[in-house]
Every structure is written in C-alpha cells, then in structure tokens.
Amino acid sequence: MVRQVRAGQSVRWFYRWFDRALAEYAIKLTRSPHSVADGDVEVLREVGLDDEAISHAAQVISLFNYYNRIVDGLGADDEPDWA
C-alpha cells in the first residue's frame, strides 16, 4: 500500500487509511494501553510512519491523556474565562 502511494496511486485512500490507523492506535493507547502490541505498531509502519514518528505519536497521545486526567481529577477548568 505504501508503494502505491509513493507511485502516486490512491493518495486519497491512503490518507483515509493513514488517519484511521493512527486514530485506532490512539483509541487503543487511551482505553487499554496494556493491550498495545507489536502488531499495532506494525500497522503504523505499514502506513509509512517510522519509529521516531510512532514514538512522537505515542508521546502526544499520552500527554493529552495525562492532561485530561489531571484536569478531570482536579475538577479544574481547562478553559478559564480570560475576559
């Protein structure tokens, strides 16, 4: 599939597949991080992410999860009134 994209074929399809693969990884990492397996990472490689990009994605997903848990856990207002 990555070869097809590099050859200029099915670019629109690729972006939908890429987005879906990354979204599914984010959902799994958020809901059940203990169940993330090598196969989940391999799917991201298949859509063209290298190990550095996968690491960055995992870090961003995890930071958003962390932030949301802190805000929810403290009952903080994540959008204070700036007026």
PDB file of N, CA and C in Angstrom:
ATOM      1  N   MET A   1       0.804  -1.176   0.000  1.00  0.00           N
ATOM      2  CA  MET A   1       0.000   0.000   0.000  1.00  0.00           C
ATOM      3  C   MET A   1       0.861   1.259   0.000  1.00  0.00           C
ATOM      4  N   VAL A   2       1.926   1.290   0.795  1.00  0.00           N
ATOM      5  CA  VAL A   2       2.808   2.457   0.812  1.00  0.00           C
ATOM      6  C   VAL A   2       3.454   2.625  -0.559  1.00  0.00           C
ATOM      7  N   ARG A   3       3.801   1.519  -1.193  1.00  0.00           N
ATOM      8  CA  ARG A   3       4.389   1.591  -2.539  1.00  0.00           C
ATOM      9  C   ARG A   3       3.420   2.253  -3.522  1.00  0.00           C
ATOM     10  N   GLN A   4       2.125   1.954  -3.370  1.00  0.00           N
ATOM     11  CA  GLN A   4       1.122   2.561  -4.251  1.00  0.00           C
ATOM     12  C   GLN A   4       1.090   4.077  -4.074  1.00  0.00           C
ATOM     13  N   VAL A   5       1.149   4.512  -2.849  1.00  0.00           N
ATOM     14  CA  VAL A   5       1.125   5.946  -2.577  1.00  0.00           C
ATOM     15  C   VAL A   5       2.374   6.612  -3.137  1.00  0.00           C
ATOM     16  N   ARG A   6       3.511   5.990  -2.914  1.00  0.00           N
ATOM     17  CA  ARG A   6       4.755   6.554  -3.434  1.00  0.00           C
ATOM     18  C   ARG A   6       4.756   6.594  -4.959  1.00  0.00           C
ATOM     19  N   ALA A   7       4.006   5.688  -5.568  1.00  0.00           N
ATOM     20  CA  ALA A   7       3.904   5.668  -7.027  1.00  0.00           C
ATOM     21  C   ALA A   7       2.827   6.635  -7.521  1.00  0.00           C
ATOM     22  N   GLY A   8       2.174   7.334  -6.589  1.00  0.00           N
ATOM     23  CA  GLY A   8       1.160   8.309  -6.981  1.00  0.00           C
ATOM     24  C   GLY A   8      -0.228   7.731  -7.131  1.00  0.00           C
ATOM     25  N   GLN A   9      -0.449   6.538  -6.651  1.00  0.00           N
ATOM     26  CA  GLN A   9      -1.747   5.895  -6.767  1.00  0.00           C
ATOM     27  C   GLN A   9      -2.508   5.975  -5.445  1.00  0.00           C
ATOM     28  N   SER A  10      -3.789   6.131  -5.523  1.00  0.00           N
ATOM     29  CA  SER A  10      -4.694   6.027  -4.370  1.00  0.00           C
ATOM     30  C   SER A  10      -4.294   6.916  -3.201  1.00  0.00           C
ATOM     31  N   VAL A  11      -3.881   8.136  -3.467  1.00  0.00           N
ATOM     32  CA  VAL A  11      -3.438   9.016  -2.393  1.00  0.00           C
ATOM     33  C   VAL A  11      -4.584   9.314  -1.444  1.00  0.00           C
ATOM     34  N   ARG A  12      -5.771   9.616  -1.956  1.00  0.00           N
ATOM     35  CA  ARG A  12      -6.913   9.917  -1.096  1.00  0.00           C
ATOM     36  C   ARG A  12      -7.209   8.722  -0.204  1.00  0.00           C
ATOM     37  N   TRP A  13      -7.200   7.528  -0.759  1.00  0.00           N
ATOM     38  CA  TRP A  13      -7.438   6.311   0.027  1.00  0.00           C
ATOM     39  C   TRP A  13      -6.383   6.162   1.110  1.00  0.00           C
ATOM     40  N   PHE A  14      -5.139   6.453   0.768  1.00  0.00           N
ATOM     41  CA  PHE A  14      -4.049   6.313   1.724  1.00  0.00           C
ATOM     42  C   PHE A  14      -4.262   7.213   2.928  1.00  0.00           C
ATOM     43  N   TYR A  15      -4.613   8.480   2.676  1.00  0.00           N
ATOM     44  CA  TYR A  15      -4.786   9.384   3.808  1.00  0.00           C
ATOM     45  C   TYR A  15      -5.928   8.932   4.705  1.00  0.00           C
ATOM     46  N   ARG A  16      -6.984   8.423   4.142  1.00  0.00           N
ATOM     47  CA  ARG A  16      -8.076   7.884   4.965  1.00  0.00           C
ATOM     48  C   ARG A  16      -7.558   6.702   5.770  1.00  0.00           C
ATOM     49  N   TRP A  17      -6.777   5.816   5.161  1.00  0.00           N
ATOM     50  CA  TRP A  17      -6.257   4.636   5.859  1.00  0.00           C
ATOM     51  C   TRP A  17      -5.247   5.054   6.912  1.00  0.00           C
ATOM     52  N   PHE A  18      -4.403   6.015   6.565  1.00  0.00           N
ATOM     53  CA  PHE A  18      -3.400   6.534   7.497  1.00  0.00           C
ATOM     54  C   PHE A  18      -4.091   7.133   8.719  1.00  0.00           C
ATOM     55  N   ASP A  19      -5.063   8.007   8.476  1.00  0.00           N
ATOM     56  CA  ASP A  19      -5.795   8.638   9.576  1.00  0.00           C
ATOM     57  C   ASP A  19      -6.493   7.601  10.445  1.00  0.00           C
ATOM     58  N   ARG A  20      -7.091   6.625   9.805  1.00  0.00           N
ATOM     59  CA  ARG A  20      -7.801   5.585  10.560  1.00  0.00           C
ATOM     60  C   ARG A  20      -6.825   4.768  11.405  1.00  0.00           C
ATOM     61  N   ALA A  21      -5.688   4.395  10.830  1.00  0.00           N
ATOM     62  CA  ALA A  21      -4.694   3.608  11.573  1.00  0.00           C
ATOM     63  C   ALA A  21      -4.197   4.377  12.788  1.00  0.00           C
ATOM     64  N   LEU A  22      -3.907   5.650  12.613  1.00  0.00           N
ATOM     65  CA  LEU A  22      -3.426   6.469  13.723  1.00  0.00           C
ATOM     66  C   LEU A  22      -4.522   6.674  14.766  1.00  0.00           C
ATOM     67  N   ALA A  23      -5.755   6.889  14.319  1.00  0.00           N
ATOM     68  CA  ALA A  23      -6.873   7.055  15.256  1.00  0.00           C
ATOM     69  C   ALA A  23      -7.129   5.775  16.049  1.00  0.00           C
ATOM     70  N   GLU A  24      -7.073   4.634  15.385  1.00  0.00           N
ATOM     71  CA  GLU A  24      -7.287   3.364  16.088  1.00  0.00           C
ATOM     72  C   GLU A  24      -6.179   3.117  17.113  1.00  0.00           C
ATOM     73  N   TYR A  25      -4.963   3.477  16.766  1.00  0.00           N
ATOM     74  CA  TYR A  25      -3.851   3.349  17.713  1.00  0.00           C
ATOM     75  C   TYR A  25      -4.079   4.267  18.913  1.00  0.00           C
ATOM     76  N   ALA A  26      -4.495   5.504  18.650  1.00  0.00           N
ATOM     77  CA  ALA A  26      -4.746   6.458  19.734  1.00  0.00           C
ATOM     78  C   ALA A  26      -5.857   5.963  20.655  1.00  0.00           C
ATOM     79  N   ILE A  27      -6.907   5.423  20.094  1.00  0.00           N
ATOM     80  CA  ILE A  27      -8.014   4.896  20.902  1.00  0.00           C
ATOM     81  C   ILE A  27      -7.536   3.745  21.769  1.00  0.00           C
ATOM     82  N   LYS A  28      -6.782   2.831  21.174  1.00  0.00           N
ATOM     83  CA  LYS A  28      -6.298   1.679  21.931  1.00  0.00           C
ATOM     84  C   LYS A  28      -5.329   2.105  23.026  1.00  0.00           C
ATOM     85  N   LEU A  29      -4.422   3.022  22.702  1.00  0.00           N
ATOM     86  CA  LEU A  29      -3.461   3.503  23.694  1.00  0.00           C
ATOM     87  C   LEU A  29      -4.169   4.238  24.831  1.00  0.00           C
ATOM     88  N   THR A  30      -5.262   4.895  24.528  1.00  0.00           N
ATOM     89  CA  THR A  30      -6.036   5.630  25.532  1.00  0.00           C
ATOM     90  C   THR A  30      -6.865   4.696  26.400  1.00  0.00           C
ATOM     91  N   ARG A  31      -7.588   3.800  25.769  1.00  0.00           N
ATOM     92  CA  ARG A  31      -8.538   2.960  26.503  1.00  0.00           C
ATOM     93  C   ARG A  31      -7.909   1.746  27.175  1.00  0.00           C
ATOM     94  N   SER A  32      -6.924   1.154  26.535  1.00  0.00           N
ATOM     95  CA  SER A  32      -6.310  -0.051  27.108  1.00  0.00           C
ATOM     96  C   SER A  32      -4.834  -0.132  26.717  1.00  0.00           C
ATOM     97  N   PRO A  33      -4.024   0.743  27.297  1.00  0.00           N
ATOM     98  CA  PRO A  33      -2.609   0.793  26.903  1.00  0.00           C
ATOM     99  C   PRO A  33      -1.870  -0.525  27.098  1.00  0.00           C
ATOM    100  N   HIS A  34      -2.312  -1.323  28.057  1.00  0.00           N
ATOM    101  CA  HIS A  34      -1.667  -2.615  28.305  1.00  0.00           C
ATOM    102  C   HIS A  34      -1.862  -3.599  27.157  1.00  0.00           C
ATOM    103  N   SER A  35      -2.836  -3.323  26.292  1.00  0.00           N
ATOM    104  CA  SER A  35      -3.113  -4.257  25.200  1.00  0.00           C
ATOM    105  C   SER A  35      -2.436  -3.864  23.885  1.00  0.00           C
ATOM    106  N   VAL A  36      -1.721  -2.750  23.858  1.00  0.00           N
ATOM    107  CA  VAL A  36      -0.997  -2.361  22.640  1.00  0.00           C
ATOM    108  C   VAL A  36       0.117  -3.383  22.407  1.00  0.00           C
ATOM    109  N   ALA A  37       0.145  -3.919  21.199  1.00  0.00           N
ATOM    110  CA  ALA A  37       1.093  -4.988  20.878  1.00  0.00           C
ATOM    111  C   ALA A  37       1.936  -4.603  19.664  1.00  0.00           C
ATOM    112  N   ASP A  38       2.914  -5.434  19.369  1.00  0.00           N
ATOM    113  CA  ASP A  38       3.789  -5.200  18.222  1.00  0.00           C
ATOM    114  C   ASP A  38       2.991  -5.020  16.933  1.00  0.00           C
ATOM    115  N   GLY A  39       1.909  -5.763  16.792  1.00  0.00           N
ATOM    116  CA  GLY A  39       1.090  -5.673  15.584  1.00  0.00           C
ATOM    117  C   GLY A  39       0.476  -4.294  15.393  1.00  0.00           C
ATOM    118  N   ASP A  40       0.133  -3.635  16.494  1.00  0.00           N
ATOM    119  CA  ASP A  40      -0.428  -2.288  16.402  1.00  0.00           C
ATOM    120  C   ASP A  40       0.608  -1.304  15.876  1.00  0.00           C
ATOM    121  N   VAL A  41       1.823  -1.444  16.326  1.00  0.00           N
ATOM    122  CA  VAL A  41       2.915  -0.585  15.858  1.00  0.00           C
ATOM    123  C   VAL A  41       3.254  -0.912  14.410  1.00  0.00           C
ATOM    124  N   GLU A  42       3.198  -2.175  14.054  1.00  0.00           N
ATOM    125  CA  GLU A  42       3.495  -2.582  12.683  1.00  0.00           C
ATOM    126  C   GLU A  42       2.508  -1.970  11.698  1.00  0.00           C
ATOM    127  N   VAL A  43       1.248  -1.852  12.083  1.00  0.00           N
ATOM    128  CA  VAL A  43       0.257  -1.208  11.217  1.00  0.00           C
ATOM    129  C   VAL A  43       0.668   0.233  10.925  1.00  0.00           C
ATOM    130  N   LEU A  44       1.165   0.922  11.938  1.00  0.00           N
ATOM    131  CA  LEU A  44       1.614   2.302  11.732  1.00  0.00           C
ATOM    132  C   LEU A  44       2.816   2.357  10.792  1.00  0.00           C
ATOM    133  N   ARG A  45       3.689   1.383  10.894  1.00  0.00           N
ATOM    134  CA  ARG A  45       4.831   1.319   9.960  1.00  0.00           C
ATOM    135  C   ARG A  45       4.335   1.078   8.537  1.00  0.00           C
ATOM    136  N   GLU A  46       3.312   0.249   8.402  1.00  0.00           N
ATOM    137  CA  GLU A  46       2.785  -0.073   7.072  1.00  0.00           C
ATOM    138  C   GLU A  46       2.182   1.140   6.379  1.00  0.00           C
ATOM    139  N   VAL A  47       1.683   2.116   7.151  1.00  0.00           N
ATOM    140  CA  VAL A  47       1.135   3.314   6.518  1.00  0.00           C
ATOM    141  C   VAL A  47       2.188   4.402   6.359  1.00  0.00           C
ATOM    142  N   GLY A  48       3.447   4.086   6.698  1.00  0.00           N
ATOM    143  CA  GLY A  48       4.533   4.988   6.383  1.00  0.00           C
ATOM    144  C   GLY A  48       5.202   5.690   7.549  1.00  0.00           C
ATOM    145  N   LEU A  49       4.783   5.425   8.777  1.00  0.00           N
ATOM    146  CA  LEU A  49       5.446   6.053   9.916  1.00  0.00           C
ATOM    147  C   LEU A  49       6.722   5.295  10.265  1.00  0.00           C
ATOM    148  N   ASP A  50       7.774   6.044  10.561  1.00  0.00           N
ATOM    149  CA  ASP A  50       8.990   5.397  11.041  1.00  0.00           C
ATOM    150  C   ASP A  50       8.943   5.357  12.574  1.00  0.00           C
ATOM    151  N   ASP A  51       9.939   4.751  13.172  1.00  0.00           N
ATOM    152  CA  ASP A  51       9.921   4.574  14.631  1.00  0.00           C
ATOM    153  C   ASP A  51       9.906   5.907  15.375  1.00  0.00           C
ATOM    154  N   GLU A  52      10.592   6.905  14.852  1.00  0.00           N
ATOM    155  CA  GLU A  52      10.594   8.212  15.508  1.00  0.00           C
ATOM    156  C   GLU A  52       9.195   8.839  15.486  1.00  0.00           C
ATOM    157  N   ALA A  53       8.518   8.754  14.346  1.00  0.00           N
ATOM    158  CA  ALA A  53       7.164   9.303  14.233  1.00  0.00           C
ATOM    159  C   ALA A  53       6.189   8.552  15.138  1.00  0.00           C
ATOM    160  N   ILE A  54       6.351   7.242  15.230  1.00  0.00           N
ATOM    161  CA  ILE A  54       5.493   6.439  16.105  1.00  0.00           C
ATOM    162  C   ILE A  54       5.730   6.828  17.557  1.00  0.00           C
ATOM    163  N   SER A  55       6.986   7.037  17.920  1.00  0.00           N
ATOM    164  CA  SER A  55       7.309   7.475  19.275  1.00  0.00           C
ATOM    165  C   SER A  55       6.684   8.832  19.571  1.00  0.00           C
ATOM    166  N   HIS A  56       6.786   9.749  18.630  1.00  0.00           N
ATOM    167  CA  HIS A  56       6.183  11.074  18.819  1.00  0.00           C
ATOM    168  C   HIS A  56       4.668  10.962  18.961  1.00  0.00           C
ATOM    169  N   ALA A  57       4.045  10.137  18.130  1.00  0.00           N
ATOM    170  CA  ALA A  57       2.595   9.961  18.217  1.00  0.00           C
ATOM    171  C   ALA A  57       2.202   9.413  19.583  1.00  0.00           C
ATOM    172  N   ALA A  58       2.911   8.404  20.054  1.00  0.00           N
ATOM    173  CA  ALA A  58       2.605   7.817  21.362  1.00  0.00           C
ATOM    174  C   ALA A  58       2.781   8.846  22.471  1.00  0.00           C
ATOM    175  N   GLN A  59       3.805   9.679  22.368  1.00  0.00           N
ATOM    176  CA  GLN A  59       4.035  10.700  23.389  1.00  0.00           C
ATOM    177  C   GLN A  59       2.937  11.759  23.382  1.00  0.00           C
ATOM    178  N   VAL A  60       2.527  12.214  22.213  1.00  0.00           N
ATOM    179  CA  VAL A  60       1.470  13.228  22.130  1.00  0.00           C
ATOM    180  C   VAL A  60       0.146  12.664  22.638  1.00  0.00           C
ATOM    181  N   ILE A  61      -0.182  11.454  22.222  1.00  0.00           N
ATOM    182  CA  ILE A  61      -1.413  10.811  22.688  1.00  0.00           C
ATOM    183  C   ILE A  61      -1.386  10.687  24.205  1.00  0.00           C
ATOM    184  N   SER A  62      -0.268  10.234  24.736  1.00  0.00           N
ATOM    185  CA  SER A  62      -0.138  10.042  26.183  1.00  0.00           C
ATOM    186  C   SER A  62      -0.200  11.363  26.940  1.00  0.00           C
ATOM    187  N   LEU A  63       0.404  12.404  26.395  1.00  0.00           N
ATOM    188  CA  LEU A  63       0.356  13.709  27.052  1.00  0.00           C
ATOM    189  C   LEU A  63      -1.064  14.269  27.086  1.00  0.00           C
ATOM    190  N   PHE A  64      -1.808  14.094  25.999  1.00  0.00           N
ATOM    191  CA  PHE A  64      -3.207  14.526  26.007  1.00  0.00           C
ATOM    192  C   PHE A  64      -4.001  13.740  27.049  1.00  0.00           C
ATOM    193  N   ASN A  65      -3.755  12.448  27.140  1.00  0.00           N
ATOM    194  CA  ASN A  65      -4.434  11.635  28.153  1.00  0.00           C
ATOM    195  C   ASN A  65      -4.070  12.100  29.557  1.00  0.00           C
ATOM    196  N   TYR A  66      -2.801  12.363  29.769  1.00  0.00           N
ATOM    197  CA  TYR A  66      -2.332  12.844  31.072  1.00  0.00           C
ATOM    198  C   TYR A  66      -3.016  14.169  31.432  1.00  0.00           C
ATOM    199  N   TYR A  67      -2.989  15.092  30.507  1.00  0.00           N
ATOM    200  CA  TYR A  67      -3.578  16.403  30.744  1.00  0.00           C
ATOM    201  C   TYR A  67      -5.073  16.273  31.081  1.00  0.00           C
ATOM    202  N   ASN A  68      -5.775  15.495  30.300  1.00  0.00           N
ATOM    203  CA  ASN A  68      -7.212  15.323  30.550  1.00  0.00           C
ATOM    204  C   ASN A  68      -7.475  14.687  31.907  1.00  0.00           C
ATOM    205  N   ARG A  69      -6.657  13.742  32.320  1.00  0.00           N
ATOM    206  CA  ARG A  69      -6.843  13.106  33.621  1.00  0.00           C
ATOM    207  C   ARG A  69      -6.556  14.080  34.769  1.00  0.00           C
ATOM    208  N   ILE A  70      -5.542  14.903  34.615  1.00  0.00           N
ATOM    209  CA  ILE A  70      -5.240  15.908  35.638  1.00  0.00           C
ATOM    210  C   ILE A  70      -6.397  16.900  35.749  1.00  0.00           C
ATOM    211  N   VAL A  71      -6.840  17.424  34.642  1.00  0.00           N
ATOM    212  CA  VAL A  71      -7.941  18.394  34.642  1.00  0.00           C
ATOM    213  C   VAL A  71      -9.200  17.774  35.236  1.00  0.00           C
ATOM    214  N   ASP A  72      -9.546  16.573  34.784  1.00  0.00           N
ATOM    215  CA  ASP A  72     -10.741  15.911  35.304  1.00  0.00           C
ATOM    216  C   ASP A  72     -10.578  15.545  36.770  1.00  0.00           C
ATOM    217  N   GLY A  73      -9.400  15.039  37.135  1.00  0.00           N
ATOM    218  CA  GLY A  73      -9.160  14.598  38.503  1.00  0.00           C
ATOM    219  C   GLY A  73      -9.160  15.720  39.524  1.00  0.00           C
ATOM    220  N   LEU A  74      -8.775  16.900  39.093  1.00  0.00           N
ATOM    221  CA  LEU A  74      -8.747  18.049  39.994  1.00  0.00           C
ATOM    222  C   LEU A  74      -9.994  18.919  39.868  1.00  0.00           C
ATOM    223  N   GLY A  75     -10.838  18.585  38.918  1.00  0.00           N
ATOM    224  CA  GLY A  75     -12.026  19.396  38.697  1.00  0.00           C
ATOM    225  C   GLY A  75     -11.678  20.781  38.175  1.00  0.00           C
ATOM    226  N   ALA A  76     -10.525  20.872  37.562  1.00  0.00           N
ATOM    227  CA  ALA A  76     -10.051  22.169  37.054  1.00  0.00           C
ATOM    228  C   ALA A  76     -10.800  22.555  35.783  1.00  0.00           C
ATOM    229  N   ASP A  77     -10.866  23.844  35.568  1.00  0.00           N
ATOM    230  CA  ASP A  77     -11.460  24.372  34.360  1.00  0.00           C
ATOM    231  C   ASP A  77     -10.348  24.475  33.320  1.00  0.00           C
ATOM    232  N   ASP A  78     -10.429  23.651  32.284  1.00  0.00           N
ATOM    233  CA  ASP A  78      -9.370  23.662  31.280  1.00  0.00           C
ATOM    234  C   ASP A  78      -9.498  24.827  30.310  1.00  0.00           C
ATOM    235  N   GLU A  79     -10.583  25.580  30.406  1.00  0.00           N
ATOM    236  CA  GLU A  79     -10.769  26.760  29.572  1.00  0.00           C
ATOM    237  C   GLU A  79     -11.226  27.904  30.473  1.00  0.00           C
ATOM    238  N   PRO A  80     -10.303  28.488  31.218  1.00  0.00           N
ATOM    239  CA  PRO A  80     -10.686  29.573  32.139  1.00  0.00           C
ATOM    240  C   PRO A  80     -11.200  30.784  31.368  1.00  0.00           C
ATOM    241  N   ASP A  81     -11.991  31.550  32.027  1.00  0.00           N
ATOM    242  CA  ASP A  81     -12.520  32.773  31.438  1.00  0.00           C
ATOM    243  C   ASP A  81     -11.406  33.804  31.385  1.00  0.00           C
ATOM    244  N   TRP A  82     -10.950  34.127  30.177  1.00  0.00           N
ATOM    245  CA  TRP A  82      -9.840  35.051  30.012  1.00  0.00           C
ATOM    246  C   TRP A  82     -10.296  36.496  29.961  1.00  0.00           C
ATOM    247  N   ALA A  83     -11.584  36.718  30.044  1.00  0.00           N
ATOM    248  CA  ALA A  83     -12.129  38.098  29.916  1.00  0.00           C
ATOM    249  C   ALA A  83     -11.834  38.951  31.123  1.00  0.00           C
TER     250      ALA A  83
END
